[in-house]
């Protein structure tokens, strides 16, 4: 999705409508946790001024993320609503750092869409099977629910012999032979 400034001048009398599917696969390189992202449906409108363009975006899509417990794929649908301003006027850009600069003769909102999607990635996400998982192990790591961990800890404490009585336990072993 890219617009030339000359193309935008045709919409100076009214809003330019938006309704397009945008491929944002470049977010996969920026965040390796995102395993896949479907084309994002972008709707909204843009108001064109003499030195800037104000856009109201609604992004709807689905990305696939790993479950925080099981590492299985989890579909994460998202809806993002945002207002973004773009400008090609140097003076306007110097006075406001929240305005996206337009480089050259084209307005490209794709990097803004990428940022909005990356900000939407949750810190943790759990799949349907995550609740049923009680424990798992890997190289250098393990996972257990609180109940499983407490039961394992209690079993360890019951089988531990107090070091003060270790010699006494050996006496009982010798008599049994």
C-alpha atoms as a PDB file:
ATOM      1  CA  UNK A   1       0.000   0.000   0.000  1.00  0.00           C
ATOM      2  CA  UNK A   2       1.640   3.191  -1.232  1.00  0.00           C
ATOM      3  CA  UNK A   3       0.215   6.483  -2.451  1.00  0.00           C
ATOM      4  CA  UNK A   4       1.863   9.263  -4.421  1.00  0.00           C
ATOM      5  CA  UNK A   5       1.323  12.795  -3.154  1.00  0.00           C
ATOM      6  CA  UNK A   6      -0.071  13.765  -6.579  1.00  0.00           C
ATOM      7  CA  UNK A   7      -2.571  10.888  -6.398  1.00  0.00           C
ATOM      8  CA  UNK A   8      -3.691  12.061  -2.951  1.00  0.00           C
ATOM      9  CA  UNK A   9      -4.446  15.591  -4.204  1.00  0.00           C
ATOM     10  CA  UNK A  10      -7.514  14.190  -6.019  1.00  0.00           C
ATOM     11  CA  UNK A  11      -9.113  13.553  -2.614  1.00  0.00           C
ATOM     12  CA  UNK A  12      -8.610  17.063  -1.179  1.00  0.00           C
ATOM     13  CA  UNK A  13     -12.354  17.758  -1.261  1.00  0.00           C
ATOM     14  CA  UNK A  14     -13.289  14.665   0.779  1.00  0.00           C
ATOM     15  CA  UNK A  15     -11.913  11.634   2.549  1.00  0.00           C
ATOM     16  CA  UNK A  16     -10.060   8.899   0.720  1.00  0.00           C
ATOM     17  CA  UNK A  17     -11.607   5.543   1.689  1.00  0.00           C
ATOM     18  CA  UNK A  18      -9.408   2.553   2.549  1.00  0.00           C
ATOM     19  CA  UNK A  19     -10.335  -1.107   2.191  1.00  0.00           C
ATOM     20  CA  UNK A  20      -7.396  -3.334   1.347  1.00  0.00           C
ATOM     21  CA  UNK A  21      -5.559  -6.497   2.404  1.00  0.00           C
ATOM     22  CA  UNK A  22      -1.913  -5.846   3.275  1.00  0.00           C
ATOM     23  CA  UNK A  23       0.840  -8.449   3.492  1.00  0.00           C
ATOM     24  CA  UNK A  24       2.942  -7.798   6.624  1.00  0.00           C
ATOM     25  CA  UNK A  25       5.253 -10.837   6.510  1.00  0.00           C
ATOM     26  CA  UNK A  26       8.190  -8.525   7.271  1.00  0.00           C
ATOM     27  CA  UNK A  27       7.152  -8.561  10.965  1.00  0.00           C
ATOM     28  CA  UNK A  28       8.332 -12.199  11.067  1.00  0.00           C
ATOM     29  CA  UNK A  29      11.920 -10.974  10.702  1.00  0.00           C
ATOM     30  CA  UNK A  30      11.501  -8.305  13.372  1.00  0.00           C
ATOM     31  CA  UNK A  31       9.895 -10.583  15.980  1.00  0.00           C
ATOM     32  CA  UNK A  32      10.841 -14.269  15.779  1.00  0.00           C
ATOM     33  CA  UNK A  33       7.991 -15.200  18.151  1.00  0.00           C
ATOM     34  CA  UNK A  34       5.493 -14.514  15.374  1.00  0.00           C
ATOM     35  CA  UNK A  35       5.387 -17.757  13.412  1.00  0.00           C
ATOM     36  CA  UNK A  36       2.940 -16.621  10.738  1.00  0.00           C
ATOM     37  CA  UNK A  37       0.696 -13.673   9.967  1.00  0.00           C
ATOM     38  CA  UNK A  38      -2.251 -13.720   7.606  1.00  0.00           C
ATOM     39  CA  UNK A  39      -2.815 -10.718   5.287  1.00  0.00           C
ATOM     40  CA  UNK A  40      -4.149  -7.874   7.415  1.00  0.00           C
ATOM     41  CA  UNK A  41      -7.424  -6.250   6.381  1.00  0.00           C
ATOM     42  CA  UNK A  42      -7.031  -2.468   6.557  1.00  0.00           C
ATOM     43  CA  UNK A  43     -10.084  -0.227   6.495  1.00  0.00           C
ATOM     44  CA  UNK A  44     -10.553   3.433   7.299  1.00  0.00           C
ATOM     45  CA  UNK A  45     -10.157   6.784   5.634  1.00  0.00           C
ATOM     46  CA  UNK A  46      -7.606   9.517   5.079  1.00  0.00           C
ATOM     47  CA  UNK A  47      -8.109  13.268   5.057  1.00  0.00           C
ATOM     48  CA  UNK A  48      -5.652  15.093   2.815  1.00  0.00           C
ATOM     49  CA  UNK A  49      -4.427  18.560   3.744  1.00  0.00           C
ATOM     50  CA  UNK A  50      -2.072  20.906   1.912  1.00  0.00           C
ATOM     51  CA  UNK A  51       1.012  19.684   3.835  1.00  0.00           C
ATOM     52  CA  UNK A  52      -0.094  16.460   5.506  1.00  0.00           C
ATOM     53  CA  UNK A  53      -2.441  13.512   5.537  1.00  0.00           C
ATOM     54  CA  UNK A  54      -4.411  12.295   8.583  1.00  0.00           C
ATOM     55  CA  UNK A  55      -5.451   8.635   8.469  1.00  0.00           C
ATOM     56  CA  UNK A  56      -7.794   6.596  10.633  1.00  0.00           C
ATOM     57  CA  UNK A  57      -6.904   2.929  10.340  1.00  0.00           C
ATOM     58  CA  UNK A  58      -8.602  -0.239  11.495  1.00  0.00           C
ATOM     59  CA  UNK A  59      -6.383  -3.305  11.134  1.00  0.00           C
ATOM     60  CA  UNK A  60      -7.917  -6.760  11.505  1.00  0.00           C
ATOM     61  CA  UNK A  61      -5.956  -9.961  11.227  1.00  0.00           C
ATOM     62  CA  UNK A  62      -4.619 -13.118  12.809  1.00  0.00           C
ATOM     63  CA  UNK A  63      -1.094 -14.029  13.756  1.00  0.00           C
ATOM     64  CA  UNK A  64       0.201 -17.377  14.928  1.00  0.00           C
ATOM     65  CA  UNK A  65       2.249 -17.309  18.139  1.00  0.00           C
ATOM     66  CA  UNK A  66       3.747 -20.066  20.300  1.00  0.00           C
ATOM     67  CA  UNK A  67       1.894 -21.095  23.447  1.00  0.00           C
ATOM     68  CA  UNK A  68       3.883 -19.963  26.491  1.00  0.00           C
ATOM     69  CA  UNK A  69       3.618 -23.444  28.043  1.00  0.00           C
ATOM     70  CA  UNK A  70       3.433 -25.983  25.259  1.00  0.00           C
ATOM     71  CA  UNK A  71       5.060 -24.153  22.311  1.00  0.00           C
ATOM     72  CA  UNK A  72       2.136 -25.250  20.131  1.00  0.00           C
ATOM     73  CA  UNK A  73       0.762 -22.825  17.536  1.00  0.00           C
ATOM     74  CA  UNK A  74      -1.953 -20.506  18.848  1.00  0.00           C
ATOM     75  CA  UNK A  75      -4.099 -18.292  16.622  1.00  0.00           C
ATOM     76  CA  UNK A  76      -4.145 -14.756  18.002  1.00  0.00           C
ATOM     77  CA  UNK A  77      -6.767 -12.542  16.326  1.00  0.00           C
ATOM     78  CA  UNK A  78      -6.284  -8.799  16.680  1.00  0.00           C
ATOM     79  CA  UNK A  79      -8.116  -5.585  15.909  1.00  0.00           C
ATOM     80  CA  UNK A  80      -6.161  -2.338  16.055  1.00  0.00           C
ATOM     81  CA  UNK A  81      -7.621   1.129  15.668  1.00  0.00           C
ATOM     82  CA  UNK A  82      -5.239   4.039  15.239  1.00  0.00           C
ATOM     83  CA  UNK A  83      -4.982   7.592  13.989  1.00  0.00           C
ATOM     84  CA  UNK A  84      -1.715   8.427  12.271  1.00  0.00           C
ATOM     85  CA  UNK A  85      -0.509  11.614  10.614  1.00  0.00           C
ATOM     86  CA  UNK A  86       1.986  11.809   7.752  1.00  0.00           C
ATOM     87  CA  UNK A  87       3.614  14.989   6.452  1.00  0.00           C
ATOM     88  CA  UNK A  88       6.015  16.087   3.754  1.00  0.00           C
ATOM     89  CA  UNK A  89       6.474  19.577   5.258  1.00  0.00           C
ATOM     90  CA  UNK A  90       9.861  20.034   7.013  1.00  0.00           C
ATOM     91  CA  UNK A  91       8.573  22.765   9.359  1.00  0.00           C
ATOM     92  CA  UNK A  92       5.650  20.637  10.505  1.00  0.00           C
ATOM     93  CA  UNK A  93       7.977  17.663  11.126  1.00  0.00           C
ATOM     94  CA  UNK A  94      10.332  19.786  13.272  1.00  0.00           C
ATOM     95  CA  UNK A  95       7.555  20.951  15.591  1.00  0.00           C
ATOM     96  CA  UNK A  96       5.852  17.595  16.163  1.00  0.00           C
ATOM     97  CA  UNK A  97       7.717  14.289  16.554  1.00  0.00           C
ATOM     98  CA  UNK A  98       4.526  12.202  16.428  1.00  0.00           C
ATOM     99  CA  UNK A  99       4.088  12.908  12.712  1.00  0.00           C
ATOM    100  CA  UNK A 100       5.485  10.304  10.320  1.00  0.00           C
ATOM    101  CA  UNK A 101       7.773  11.856   7.694  1.00  0.00           C
ATOM    102  CA  UNK A 102       7.073  11.237   4.022  1.00  0.00           C
ATOM    103  CA  UNK A 103      10.252  10.500   2.126  1.00  0.00           C
ATOM    104  CA  UNK A 104      10.219  11.270  -1.564  1.00  0.00           C
ATOM    105  CA  UNK A 105       6.897  11.615  -3.353  1.00  0.00           C
ATOM    106  CA  UNK A 106       5.185   8.573  -1.813  1.00  0.00           C
ATOM    107  CA  UNK A 107       3.299   7.968   1.431  1.00  0.00           C
ATOM    108  CA  UNK A 108       3.992   4.425   2.631  1.00  0.00           C
ATOM    109  CA  UNK A 109       1.962   3.458   5.730  1.00  0.00           C
ATOM    110  CA  UNK A 110       3.316  -0.137   5.775  1.00  0.00           C
ATOM    111  CA  UNK A 111       6.064   0.551   8.381  1.00  0.00           C
ATOM    112  CA  UNK A 112       3.414   2.115  10.626  1.00  0.00           C
ATOM    113  CA  UNK A 113       1.215  -0.980  10.228  1.00  0.00           C
ATOM    114  CA  UNK A 114       4.203  -3.162  11.145  1.00  0.00           C
ATOM    115  CA  UNK A 115       4.834  -1.153  14.325  1.00  0.00           C
ATOM    116  CA  UNK A 116       1.171  -1.318  15.318  1.00  0.00           C
ATOM    117  CA  UNK A 117       1.119  -5.113  14.860  1.00  0.00           C
ATOM    118  CA  UNK A 118       4.396  -5.585  16.763  1.00  0.00           C
ATOM    119  CA  UNK A 119       2.998  -3.585  19.676  1.00  0.00           C
ATOM    120  CA  UNK A 120      -0.013  -5.907  19.728  1.00  0.00           C
ATOM    121  CA  UNK A 121       2.036  -9.091  20.396  1.00  0.00           C
ATOM    122  CA  UNK A 122       1.196 -10.239  23.957  1.00  0.00           C
ATOM    123  CA  UNK A 123       3.893 -11.190  26.472  1.00  0.00           C
ATOM    124  CA  UNK A 124       2.185 -14.533  27.136  1.00  0.00           C
ATOM    125  CA  UNK A 125      -0.459 -16.504  25.317  1.00  0.00           C
ATOM    126  CA  UNK A 126      -1.896 -19.891  26.243  1.00  0.00           C
ATOM    127  CA  UNK A 127      -3.422 -22.465  23.916  1.00  0.00           C
ATOM    128  CA  UNK A 128      -6.362 -24.748  24.654  1.00  0.00           C
ATOM    129  CA  UNK A 129      -4.155 -27.634  25.815  1.00  0.00           C
ATOM    130  CA  UNK A 130      -2.059 -25.493  28.169  1.00  0.00           C
ATOM    131  CA  UNK A 131      -4.463 -26.048  31.085  1.00  0.00           C
ATOM    132  CA  UNK A 132      -4.157 -29.852  30.798  1.00  0.00           C
ATOM    133  CA  UNK A 133      -0.366 -29.820  30.872  1.00  0.00           C
ATOM    134  CA  UNK A 134       0.960 -30.597  34.363  1.00  0.00           C
ATOM    135  CA  UNK A 135       4.674 -31.008  33.714  1.00  0.00           C
ATOM    136  CA  UNK A 136       7.290 -31.098  30.961  1.00  0.00           C
ATOM    137  CA  UNK A 137      11.063 -31.297  30.740  1.00  0.00           C
ATOM    138  CA  UNK A 138      13.719 -30.338  28.261  1.00  0.00           C
ATOM    139  CA  UNK A 139      17.438 -29.815  28.168  1.00  0.00           C
ATOM    140  CA  UNK A 140      18.187 -27.396  30.992  1.00  0.00           C
ATOM    141  CA  UNK A 141      14.561 -26.594  31.838  1.00  0.00           C
ATOM    142  CA  UNK A 142      11.421 -28.079  33.366  1.00  0.00           C
ATOM    143  CA  UNK A 143       7.843 -27.007  33.941  1.00  0.00           C
ATOM    144  CA  UNK A 144       5.378 -28.180  36.569  1.00  0.00           C
ATOM    145  CA  UNK A 145       2.116 -26.815  37.908  1.00  0.00           C
ATOM    146  CA  UNK A 146       2.093 -25.657  41.530  1.00  0.00           C
ATOM    147  CA  UNK A 147       0.202 -28.773  42.616  1.00  0.00           C
ATOM    148  CA  UNK A 148       2.628 -31.110  40.822  1.00  0.00           C
ATOM    149  CA  UNK A 149       5.649 -29.259  42.176  1.00  0.00           C
ATOM    150  CA  UNK A 150       4.344 -29.333  45.784  1.00  0.00           C
ATOM    151  CA  UNK A 151       3.546 -33.060  45.530  1.00  0.00           C
ATOM    152  CA  UNK A 152       7.035 -33.795  44.198  1.00  0.00           C
ATOM    153  CA  UNK A 153       8.636 -31.645  46.921  1.00  0.00           C
ATOM    154  CA  UNK A 154       6.629 -33.414  49.649  1.00  0.00           C
ATOM    155  CA  UNK A 155       7.631 -36.842  48.300  1.00  0.00           C
ATOM    156  CA  UNK A 156      11.305 -35.801  48.317  1.00  0.00           C
ATOM    157  CA  UNK A 157      11.057 -34.630  51.921  1.00  0.00           C
ATOM    158  CA  UNK A 158       9.419 -37.886  53.039  1.00  0.00           C
ATOM    159  CA  UNK A 159      12.125 -40.083  51.487  1.00  0.00           C
ATOM    160  CA  UNK A 160      15.024 -37.965  52.732  1.00  0.00           C
ATOM    161  CA  UNK A 161      16.862 -39.381  55.721  1.00  0.00           C
ATOM    162  CA  UNK A 162      17.898 -36.899  58.340  1.00  0.00           C
ATOM    163  CA  UNK A 163      21.743 -36.774  58.213  1.00  0.00           C
ATOM    164  CA  UNK A 164      21.879 -37.169  62.016  1.00  0.00           C
ATOM    165  CA  UNK A 165      20.192 -40.553  61.700  1.00  0.00           C
ATOM    166  CA  UNK A 166      22.057 -41.760  58.587  1.00  0.00           C
ATOM    167  CA  UNK A 167      24.392 -43.965  60.659  1.00  0.00           C
ATOM    168  CA  UNK A 168      21.427 -45.459  62.508  1.00  0.00           C
ATOM    169  CA  UNK A 169      19.736 -46.353  59.212  1.00  0.00           C
ATOM    170  CA  UNK A 170      22.862 -48.277  58.192  1.00  0.00           C
ATOM    171  CA  UNK A 171      22.640 -50.361  61.392  1.00  0.00           C
ATOM    172  CA  UNK A 172      19.108 -51.472  60.493  1.00  0.00           C
ATOM    173  CA  UNK A 173      20.257 -52.423  56.983  1.00  0.00           C
ATOM    174  CA  UNK A 174      23.108 -54.599  58.373  1.00  0.00           C
ATOM    175  CA  UNK A 175      20.830 -56.505  60.800  1.00  0.00           C
ATOM    176  CA  UNK A 176      18.363 -57.381  57.994  1.00  0.00           C
ATOM    177  CA  UNK A 177      21.110 -59.281  56.172  1.00  0.00           C
END
